[in-house]
Amino acid sequence: IDYVKSEKPFLGICLGLQLLFDFSEEGGKVDGLGIFKGAI
């Protein structure tokens, strides 16, 4: 979270994209990193 907020270069791949958002429906409702708004 601190790294992404520093605006240095970051690349998320597959689940690495999904984790950036608020939560996922996988496994019920699991909170993510919450860097961006949105649900998986």
All heavy atoms as atom14 arrays in JSON, in Angstrom:
{
  "sequence": "IDYVKSEKPFLGICLGLQLLFDFSEEGGKVDGLGIFKGAI",
  "atom14_mask": [
    [1, 1, 1, 1, 1, 1, 1, 1, 0, 0, 0, 0, 0, 0],
    [1, 1, 1, 1, 1, 1, 1, 1, 0, 0, 0, 0, 0, 0],
    [1, 1, 1, 1, 1, 1, 1, 1, 1, 1, 1, 1, 0, 0],
    [1, 1, 1, 1, 1, 1, 1, 0, 0, 0, 0, 0, 0, 0],
    [1, 1, 1, 1, 1, 1, 1, 1, 1, 0, 0, 0, 0, 0],
    [1, 1, 1, 1, 1, 1, 0, 0, 0, 0, 0, 0, 0, 0],
    [1, 1, 1, 1, 1, 1, 1, 1, 1, 0, 0, 0, 0, 0],
    [1, 1, 1, 1, 1, 1, 1, 1, 1, 0, 0, 0, 0, 0],
    [1, 1, 1, 1, 1, 1, 1, 0, 0, 0, 0, 0, 0, 0],
    [1, 1, 1, 1, 1, 1, 1, 1, 1, 1, 1, 0, 0, 0],
    [1, 1, 1, 1, 1, 1, 1, 1, 0, 0, 0, 0, 0, 0],
    [1, 1, 1, 1, 0, 0, 0, 0, 0, 0, 0, 0, 0, 0],
    [1, 1, 1, 1, 1, 1, 1, 1, 0, 0, 0, 0, 0, 0],
    [1, 1, 1, 1, 1, 1, 0, 0, 0, 0, 0, 0, 0, 0],
    [1, 1, 1, 1, 1, 1, 1, 1, 0, 0, 0, 0, 0, 0],
    [1, 1, 1, 1, 0, 0, 0, 0, 0, 0, 0, 0, 0, 0],
    [1, 1, 1, 1, 1, 1, 1, 1, 0, 0, 0, 0, 0, 0],
    [1, 1, 1, 1, 1, 1, 1, 1, 1, 0, 0, 0, 0, 0],
    [1, 1, 1, 1, 1, 1, 1, 1, 0, 0, 0, 0, 0, 0],
    [1, 1, 1, 1, 1, 1, 1, 1, 0, 0, 0, 0, 0, 0],
    [1, 1, 1, 1, 1, 1, 1, 1, 1, 1, 1, 0, 0, 0],
    [1, 1, 1, 1, 1, 1, 1, 1, 0, 0, 0, 0, 0, 0],
    [1, 1, 1, 1, 1, 1, 1, 1, 1, 1, 1, 0, 0, 0],
    [1, 1, 1, 1, 1, 1, 0, 0, 0, 0, 0, 0, 0, 0],
    [1, 1, 1, 1, 1, 1, 1, 1, 1, 0, 0, 0, 0, 0],
    [1, 1, 1, 1, 1, 1, 1, 1, 1, 0, 0, 0, 0, 0],
    [1, 1, 1, 1, 0, 0, 0, 0, 0, 0, 0, 0, 0, 0],
    [1, 1, 1, 1, 0, 0, 0, 0, 0, 0, 0, 0, 0, 0],
    [1, 1, 1, 1, 1, 1, 1, 1, 1, 0, 0, 0, 0, 0],
    [1, 1, 1, 1, 1, 1, 1, 0, 0, 0, 0, 0, 0, 0],
    [1, 1, 1, 1, 1, 1, 1, 1, 0, 0, 0, 0, 0, 0],
    [1, 1, 1, 1, 0, 0, 0, 0, 0, 0, 0, 0, 0, 0],
    [1, 1, 1, 1, 1, 1, 1, 1, 0, 0, 0, 0, 0, 0],
    [1, 1, 1, 1, 0, 0, 0, 0, 0, 0, 0, 0, 0, 0],
    [1, 1, 1, 1, 1, 1, 1, 1, 0, 0, 0, 0, 0, 0],
    [1, 1, 1, 1, 1, 1, 1, 1, 1, 1, 1, 0, 0, 0],
    [1, 1, 1, 1, 1, 1, 1, 1, 1, 0, 0, 0, 0, 0],
    [1, 1, 1, 1, 0, 0, 0, 0, 0, 0, 0, 0, 0, 0],
    [1, 1, 1, 1, 1, 0, 0, 0, 0, 0, 0, 0, 0, 0],
    [1, 1, 1, 1, 1, 1, 1, 1, 0, 0, 0, 0, 0, 0]
  ],
  "atom14_positions": [
    [[0.84, -1.2, 0.0], [0.0, 0.0, 0.0], [0.87, 1.25, 0.0], [0.66, 2.18, -0.79], [-0.95, 0.0, 1.21], [-2.01, -1.09, 1.05], [-1.63, 1.37, 1.38], [-2.83, -1.35, 2.31], [0.0, 0.0, 0.0], [0.0, 0.0, 0.0], [0.0, 0.0, 0.0], [0.0, 0.0, 0.0], [0.0, 0.0, 0.0], [0.0, 0.0, 0.0]],
    [[1.87, 1.28, 0.87], [2.76, 2.45, 0.95], [3.53, 2.63, -0.35], [3.73, 3.76, -0.81], [3.74, 2.3, 2.12], [3.07, 2.45, 3.47], [1.92, 2.95, 3.51], [3.68, 2.07, 4.48], [0.0, 0.0, 0.0], [0.0, 0.0, 0.0], [0.0, 0.0, 0.0], [0.0, 0.0, 0.0], [0.0, 0.0, 0.0], [0.0, 0.0, 0.0]],
    [[3.96, 1.52, -0.94], [4.71, 1.6, -2.19], [3.84, 2.19, -3.3], [4.27, 3.12, -4.01], [5.21, 0.21, -2.6], [5.98, 0.25, -3.9], [7.36, 0.42, -3.9], [5.32, 0.18, -5.13], [8.06, 0.5, -5.09], [6.02, 0.26, -6.32], [7.39, 0.43, -6.29], [8.07, 0.53, -7.48], [0.0, 0.0, 0.0], [0.0, 0.0, 0.0]],
    [[2.64, 1.66, -3.48], [1.77, 2.15, -4.56], [1.43, 3.62, -4.35], [1.43, 4.42, -5.3], [0.48, 1.3, -4.65], [-0.49, 1.9, -5.65], [0.83, -0.13, -5.06], [0.0, 0.0, 0.0], [0.0, 0.0, 0.0], [0.0, 0.0, 0.0], [0.0, 0.0, 0.0], [0.0, 0.0, 0.0], [0.0, 0.0, 0.0], [0.0, 0.0, 0.0]],
    [[1.18, 4.01, -3.12], [0.85, 5.41, -2.83], [2.03, 6.34, -3.08], [1.86, 7.54, -3.28], [0.35, 5.53, -1.4], [-1.05, 4.96, -1.2], [-1.57, 5.17, 0.21], [-3.0, 4.67, 0.33], [-3.53, 4.85, 1.71], [0.0, 0.0, 0.0], [0.0, 0.0, 0.0], [0.0, 0.0, 0.0], [0.0, 0.0, 0.0], [0.0, 0.0, 0.0]],
    [[3.25, 5.78, -3.08], [4.43, 6.6, -3.37], [4.54, 6.93, -4.85], [5.37, 7.74, -5.26], [5.7, 5.86, -2.92], [6.03, 4.81, -3.82], [0.0, 0.0, 0.0], [0.0, 0.0, 0.0], [0.0, 0.0, 0.0], [0.0, 0.0, 0.0], [0.0, 0.0, 0.0], [0.0, 0.0, 0.0], [0.0, 0.0, 0.0], [0.0, 0.0, 0.0]],
    [[3.71, 6.26, -5.66], [3.62, 6.47, -7.11], [4.88, 6.03, -7.85], [5.14, 6.47, -8.96], [3.27, 7.92, -7.44], [1.9, 8.32, -6.92], [1.45, 9.68, -7.41], [2.17, 10.29, -8.23], [0.37, 10.15, -6.98], [0.0, 0.0, 0.0], [0.0, 0.0, 0.0], [0.0, 0.0, 0.0], [0.0, 0.0, 0.0], [0.0, 0.0, 0.0]],
    [[5.62, 5.1, -7.26], [6.71, 4.46, -8.0], [6.12, 3.37, -8.89], [5.0, 2.92, -8.66], [7.74, 3.89, -7.02], [8.52, 4.95, -6.27], [9.7, 4.35, -5.51], [9.27, 3.48, -4.35], [10.44, 2.96, -3.58], [0.0, 0.0, 0.0], [0.0, 0.0, 0.0], [0.0, 0.0, 0.0], [0.0, 0.0, 0.0], [0.0, 0.0, 0.0]],
    [[6.84, 2.92, -9.9], [6.28, 1.95, -10.88], [5.87, 0.63, -10.23], [6.66, -0.01, -9.53], [7.43, 1.75, -11.87], [8.24, 3.0, -11.75], [8.18, 3.38, -10.32], [0.0, 0.0, 0.0], [0.0, 0.0, 0.0], [0.0, 0.0, 0.0], [0.0, 0.0, 0.0], [0.0, 0.0, 0.0], [0.0, 0.0, 0.0], [0.0, 0.0, 0.0]],
    [[4.64, 0.22, -10.52], [4.06, -1.0, -9.96], [3.29, -1.73, -11.04], [2.57, -1.12, -11.84], [3.12, -0.65, -8.81], [2.35, -1.83, -8.25], [2.85, -2.57, -7.19], [1.12, -2.21, -8.8], [2.16, -3.66, -6.69], [0.42, -3.3, -8.31], [0.94, -4.02, -7.24], [0.0, 0.0, 0.0], [0.0, 0.0, 0.0], [0.0, 0.0, 0.0]],
    [[3.43, -3.07, -11.06], [2.66, -3.9, -11.98], [2.02, -5.05, -11.21], [2.72, -5.85, -10.59], [3.55, -4.47, -13.09], [2.88, -5.45, -14.06], [1.78, -4.77, -14.87], [3.91, -6.09, -15.0], [0.0, 0.0, 0.0], [0.0, 0.0, 0.0], [0.0, 0.0, 0.0], [0.0, 0.0, 0.0], [0.0, 0.0, 0.0], [0.0, 0.0, 0.0]],
    [[0.7, -5.14, -11.24], [-0.02, -6.26, -10.67], [-0.43, -7.22, -11.77], [-0.85, -6.78, -12.86], [0.0, 0.0, 0.0], [0.0, 0.0, 0.0], [0.0, 0.0, 0.0], [0.0, 0.0, 0.0], [0.0, 0.0, 0.0], [0.0, 0.0, 0.0], [0.0, 0.0, 0.0], [0.0, 0.0, 0.0], [0.0, 0.0, 0.0], [0.0, 0.0, 0.0]],
    [[-0.3, -8.52, -11.52], [-0.64, -9.54, -12.52], [-1.72, -10.45, -11.98], [-1.55, -11.07, -10.92], [0.61, -10.35, -12.92], [1.64, -9.46, -13.6], [0.22, -11.51, -13.84], [2.95, -10.17, -13.92], [0.0, 0.0, 0.0], [0.0, 0.0, 0.0], [0.0, 0.0, 0.0], [0.0, 0.0, 0.0], [0.0, 0.0, 0.0], [0.0, 0.0, 0.0]],
    [[-2.84, -10.57, -12.7], [-3.96, -11.45, -12.38], [-4.5, -11.14, -10.98], [-5.1, -10.09, -10.78], [-3.56, -12.91, -12.53], [-4.97, -14.06, -12.58], [0.0, 0.0, 0.0], [0.0, 0.0, 0.0], [0.0, 0.0, 0.0], [0.0, 0.0, 0.0], [0.0, 0.0, 0.0], [0.0, 0.0, 0.0], [0.0, 0.0, 0.0], [0.0, 0.0, 0.0]],
    [[-4.29, -12.02, -10.01], [-4.74, -11.74, -8.65], [-4.08, -10.48, -8.12], [-4.63, -9.78, -7.27], [-4.43, -12.94, -7.75], [-5.05, -12.94, -6.35], [-6.56, -12.83, -6.41], [-4.63, -14.2, -5.6], [0.0, 0.0, 0.0], [0.0, 0.0, 0.0], [0.0, 0.0, 0.0], [0.0, 0.0, 0.0], [0.0, 0.0, 0.0], [0.0, 0.0, 0.0]],
    [[-2.89, -10.17, -8.64], [-2.21, -8.94, -8.25], [-2.95, -7.69, -8.65], [-2.76, -6.63, -8.05], [0.0, 0.0, 0.0], [0.0, 0.0, 0.0], [0.0, 0.0, 0.0], [0.0, 0.0, 0.0], [0.0, 0.0, 0.0], [0.0, 0.0, 0.0], [0.0, 0.0, 0.0], [0.0, 0.0, 0.0], [0.0, 0.0, 0.0], [0.0, 0.0, 0.0]],
    [[-3.81, -7.76, -9.66], [-4.73, -6.68, -9.98], [-5.89, -6.67, -9.0], [-6.22, -5.63, -8.42], [-5.25, -6.83, -11.41], [-6.39, -5.89, -11.83], [-6.23, -5.44, -13.27], [-7.77, -6.54, -11.67], [0.0, 0.0, 0.0], [0.0, 0.0, 0.0], [0.0, 0.0, 0.0], [0.0, 0.0, 0.0], [0.0, 0.0, 0.0], [0.0, 0.0, 0.0]],
    [[-6.49, -7.81, -8.78], [-7.69, -7.88, -7.94], [-7.44, -7.42, -6.51], [-8.29, -6.78, -5.89], [-8.23, -9.31, -7.94], [-8.67, -9.8, -9.31], [-9.24, -11.21, -9.29], [-9.32, -11.84, -8.24], [-9.63, -11.71, -10.45], [0.0, 0.0, 0.0], [0.0, 0.0, 0.0], [0.0, 0.0, 0.0], [0.0, 0.0, 0.0], [0.0, 0.0, 0.0]],
    [[-6.25, -7.72, -5.99], [-5.93, -7.38, -4.6], [-5.87, -5.87, -4.36], [-5.99, -5.42, -3.21], [-4.59, -8.01, -4.21], [-4.57, -9.53, -4.14], [-3.13, -10.03, -4.07], [-5.36, -10.03, -2.93], [0.0, 0.0, 0.0], [0.0, 0.0, 0.0], [0.0, 0.0, 0.0], [0.0, 0.0, 0.0], [0.0, 0.0, 0.0], [0.0, 0.0, 0.0]],
    [[-5.72, -5.09, -5.41], [-5.63, -3.64, -5.25], [-6.96, -3.01, -4.86], [-7.0, -1.86, -4.41], [-5.15, -2.99, -6.56], [-3.76, -3.38, -7.06], [-3.49, -2.73, -8.4], [-2.69, -2.99, -6.04], [0.0, 0.0, 0.0], [0.0, 0.0, 0.0], [0.0, 0.0, 0.0], [0.0, 0.0, 0.0], [0.0, 0.0, 0.0], [0.0, 0.0, 0.0]],
    [[-8.06, -3.77, -5.01], [-9.39, -3.2, -4.82], [-10.0, -3.54, -3.46], [-9.37, -4.19, -2.63], [-10.28, -3.62, -6.0], [-9.87, -2.92, -7.26], [-8.8, -3.4, -8.02], [-10.49, -1.76, -7.65], [-8.39, -2.73, -9.16], [-10.09, -1.08, -8.79], [-9.03, -1.57, -9.55], [0.0, 0.0, 0.0], [0.0, 0.0, 0.0], [0.0, 0.0, 0.0]],
    [[-11.21, -3.04, -3.22], [-11.8, -3.08, -1.89], [-12.03, -4.49, -1.35], [-11.67, -4.79, -0.22], [-13.15, -2.33, -1.88], [-12.97, -0.84, -2.02], [-12.02, -0.3, -1.42], [-13.78, -0.2, -2.72], [0.0, 0.0, 0.0], [0.0, 0.0, 0.0], [0.0, 0.0, 0.0], [0.0, 0.0, 0.0], [0.0, 0.0, 0.0], [0.0, 0.0, 0.0]],
    [[-12.66, -5.33, -2.17], [-12.95, -6.68, -1.69], [-13.26, -7.61, -2.86], [-13.49, -7.17, -3.99], [-14.13, -6.68, -0.71], [-15.47, -6.39, -1.34], [-16.28, -7.41, -1.82], [-15.94, -5.08, -1.45], [-17.51, -7.15, -2.39], [-17.18, -4.81, -2.03], [-17.96, -5.85, -2.5], [0.0, 0.0, 0.0], [0.0, 0.0, 0.0], [0.0, 0.0, 0.0]],
    [[-13.25, -8.91, -2.56], [-13.61, -9.92, -3.54], [-14.75, -10.78, -2.99], [-14.83, -11.01, -1.78], [-12.41, -10.81, -3.85], [-12.78, -11.9, -4.69], [0.0, 0.0, 0.0], [0.0, 0.0, 0.0], [0.0, 0.0, 0.0], [0.0, 0.0, 0.0], [0.0, 0.0, 0.0], [0.0, 0.0, 0.0], [0.0, 0.0, 0.0], [0.0, 0.0, 0.0]],
    [[-15.58, -11.26, -3.89], [-16.64, -12.2, -3.52], [-16.11, -13.61, -3.31], [-16.83, -14.46, -2.78], [-17.71, -12.23, -4.61], [-18.5, -10.94, -4.76], [-19.56, -11.04, -5.83], [-19.48, -11.95, -6.69], [-20.47, -10.2, -5.82], [0.0, 0.0, 0.0], [0.0, 0.0, 0.0], [0.0, 0.0, 0.0], [0.0, 0.0, 0.0], [0.0, 0.0, 0.0]],
    [[-14.86, -13.85, -3.7], [-14.29, -15.18, -3.55], [-14.15, -15.54, -2.08], [-13.53, -14.82, -1.3], [-12.92, -15.26, -4.24], [-12.33, -16.65, -4.25], [-11.02, -16.73, -5.0], [-10.54, -15.69, -5.48], [-10.49, -17.85, -5.12], [0.0, 0.0, 0.0], [0.0, 0.0, 0.0], [0.0, 0.0, 0.0], [0.0, 0.0, 0.0], [0.0, 0.0, 0.0]],
    [[-14.75, -16.67, -1.69], [-14.69, -17.07, -0.29], [-15.64, -16.29, 0.6], [-15.42, -16.16, 1.8], [0.0, 0.0, 0.0], [0.0, 0.0, 0.0], [0.0, 0.0, 0.0], [0.0, 0.0, 0.0], [0.0, 0.0, 0.0], [0.0, 0.0, 0.0], [0.0, 0.0, 0.0], [0.0, 0.0, 0.0], [0.0, 0.0, 0.0], [0.0, 0.0, 0.0]],
    [[-16.69, -15.75, 0.0], [-17.65, -14.93, 0.75], [-17.42, -13.48, 0.4], [-17.7, -13.04, -0.7], [0.0, 0.0, 0.0], [0.0, 0.0, 0.0], [0.0, 0.0, 0.0], [0.0, 0.0, 0.0], [0.0, 0.0, 0.0], [0.0, 0.0, 0.0], [0.0, 0.0, 0.0], [0.0, 0.0, 0.0], [0.0, 0.0, 0.0], [0.0, 0.0, 0.0]],
    [[-16.88, -12.73, 1.32], [-16.47, -11.35, 1.08], [-15.16, -11.14, 1.82], [-15.13, -11.14, 3.04], [-17.52, -10.35, 1.54], [-17.13, -8.91, 1.3], [-18.19, -7.93, 1.77], [-17.73, -6.49, 1.58], [-18.72, -5.5, 2.08], [0.0, 0.0, 0.0], [0.0, 0.0, 0.0], [0.0, 0.0, 0.0], [0.0, 0.0, 0.0], [0.0, 0.0, 0.0]],
    [[-14.1, -10.96, 1.07], [-12.77, -10.83, 1.65], [-12.21, -9.45, 1.3], [-12.16, -9.08, 0.14], [-11.82, -11.92, 1.13], [-10.44, -11.77, 1.76], [-12.39, -13.3, 1.41], [0.0, 0.0, 0.0], [0.0, 0.0, 0.0], [0.0, 0.0, 0.0], [0.0, 0.0, 0.0], [0.0, 0.0, 0.0], [0.0, 0.0, 0.0], [0.0, 0.0, 0.0]],
    [[-11.8, -8.72, 2.32], [-11.24, -7.39, 2.09], [-9.9, -7.48, 1.39], [-9.06, -8.34, 1.7], [-11.06, -6.64, 3.41], [-12.38, -6.23, 4.04], [-13.38, -6.11, 3.28], [-12.42, -6.0, 5.26], [0.0, 0.0, 0.0], [0.0, 0.0, 0.0], [0.0, 0.0, 0.0], [0.0, 0.0, 0.0], [0.0, 0.0, 0.0], [0.0, 0.0, 0.0]],
    [[-9.68, -6.57, 0.44], [-8.41, -6.47, -0.26], [-7.56, -5.35, 0.29], [-7.76, -4.9, 1.43], [0.0, 0.0, 0.0], [0.0, 0.0, 0.0], [0.0, 0.0, 0.0], [0.0, 0.0, 0.0], [0.0, 0.0, 0.0], [0.0, 0.0, 0.0], [0.0, 0.0, 0.0], [0.0, 0.0, 0.0], [0.0, 0.0, 0.0], [0.0, 0.0, 0.0]],
    [[-6.65, -4.86, -0.51], [-5.77, -3.78, -0.08], [-6.47, -2.44, -0.06], [-6.04, -1.52, 0.63], [-4.53, -3.72, -0.99], [-3.63, -4.96, -0.97], [-2.56, -4.86, -2.05], [-3.0, -5.16, 0.4], [0.0, 0.0, 0.0], [0.0, 0.0, 0.0], [0.0, 0.0, 0.0], [0.0, 0.0, 0.0], [0.0, 0.0, 0.0], [0.0, 0.0, 0.0]],
    [[-7.54, -2.3, -0.81], [-8.35, -1.08, -0.77], [-7.66, 0.16, -1.32], [-8.02, 1.27, -0.95], [0.0, 0.0, 0.0], [0.0, 0.0, 0.0], [0.0, 0.0, 0.0], [0.0, 0.0, 0.0], [0.0, 0.0, 0.0], [0.0, 0.0, 0.0], [0.0, 0.0, 0.0], [0.0, 0.0, 0.0], [0.0, 0.0, 0.0], [0.0, 0.0, 0.0]],
    [[-6.72, -0.01, -2.22], [-6.04, 1.14, -2.81], [-6.96, 1.85, -3.8], [-6.95, 3.08, -3.9], [-4.74, 0.68, -3.5], [-3.78, 0.11, -2.44], [-4.08, 1.83, -4.26], [-2.56, -0.58, -3.02], [0.0, 0.0, 0.0], [0.0, 0.0, 0.0], [0.0, 0.0, 0.0], [0.0, 0.0, 0.0], [0.0, 0.0, 0.0], [0.0, 0.0, 0.0]],
    [[-7.77, 1.07, -4.52], [-8.74, 1.62, -5.45], [-10.14, 1.11, -5.09], [-10.28, 0.04, -4.49], [-8.41, 1.22, -6.89], [-7.06, 1.7, -7.36], [-6.07, 0.79, -7.69], [-6.79, 3.05, -7.47], [-4.82, 1.21, -8.12], [-5.54, 3.49, -7.89], [-4.56, 2.57, -8.22], [0.0, 0.0, 0.0], [0.0, 0.0, 0.0], [0.0, 0.0, 0.0]],
    [[-11.15, 1.86, -5.5], [-12.53, 1.5, -5.23], [-13.04, 0.52, -6.27], [-12.86, 0.72, -7.46], [-13.42, 2.76, -5.22], [-13.12, 3.72, -4.08], [-13.49, 3.1, -2.74], [-13.26, 4.08, -1.6], [-13.53, 3.44, -0.28], [0.0, 0.0, 0.0], [0.0, 0.0, 0.0], [0.0, 0.0, 0.0], [0.0, 0.0, 0.0], [0.0, 0.0, 0.0]],
    [[-13.68, -0.55, -5.78], [-14.26, -1.52, -6.69], [-14.29, -2.9, -6.07], [-13.57, -3.18, -5.11], [0.0, 0.0, 0.0], [0.0, 0.0, 0.0], [0.0, 0.0, 0.0], [0.0, 0.0, 0.0], [0.0, 0.0, 0.0], [0.0, 0.0, 0.0], [0.0, 0.0, 0.0], [0.0, 0.0, 0.0], [0.0, 0.0, 0.0], [0.0, 0.0, 0.0]],
    [[-15.14, -3.75, -6.61], [-15.32, -5.11, -6.1], [-14.91, -6.12, -7.17], [-15.07, -5.88, -8.38], [-16.76, -5.33, -5.69], [0.0, 0.0, 0.0], [0.0, 0.0, 0.0], [0.0, 0.0, 0.0], [0.0, 0.0, 0.0], [0.0, 0.0, 0.0], [0.0, 0.0, 0.0], [0.0, 0.0, 0.0], [0.0, 0.0, 0.0], [0.0, 0.0, 0.0]],
    [[-14.41, -7.26, -6.72], [-14.06, -8.37, -7.59], [-15.2, -9.38, -7.5], [-15.47, -9.92, -6.43], [-12.74, -9.02, -7.17], [-11.64, -7.96, -7.03], [-12.35, -10.1, -8.16], [-11.4, -7.13, -8.27], [0.0, 0.0, 0.0], [0.0, 0.0, 0.0], [0.0, 0.0, 0.0], [0.0, 0.0, 0.0], [0.0, 0.0, 0.0], [0.0, 0.0, 0.0]]
  ]
}
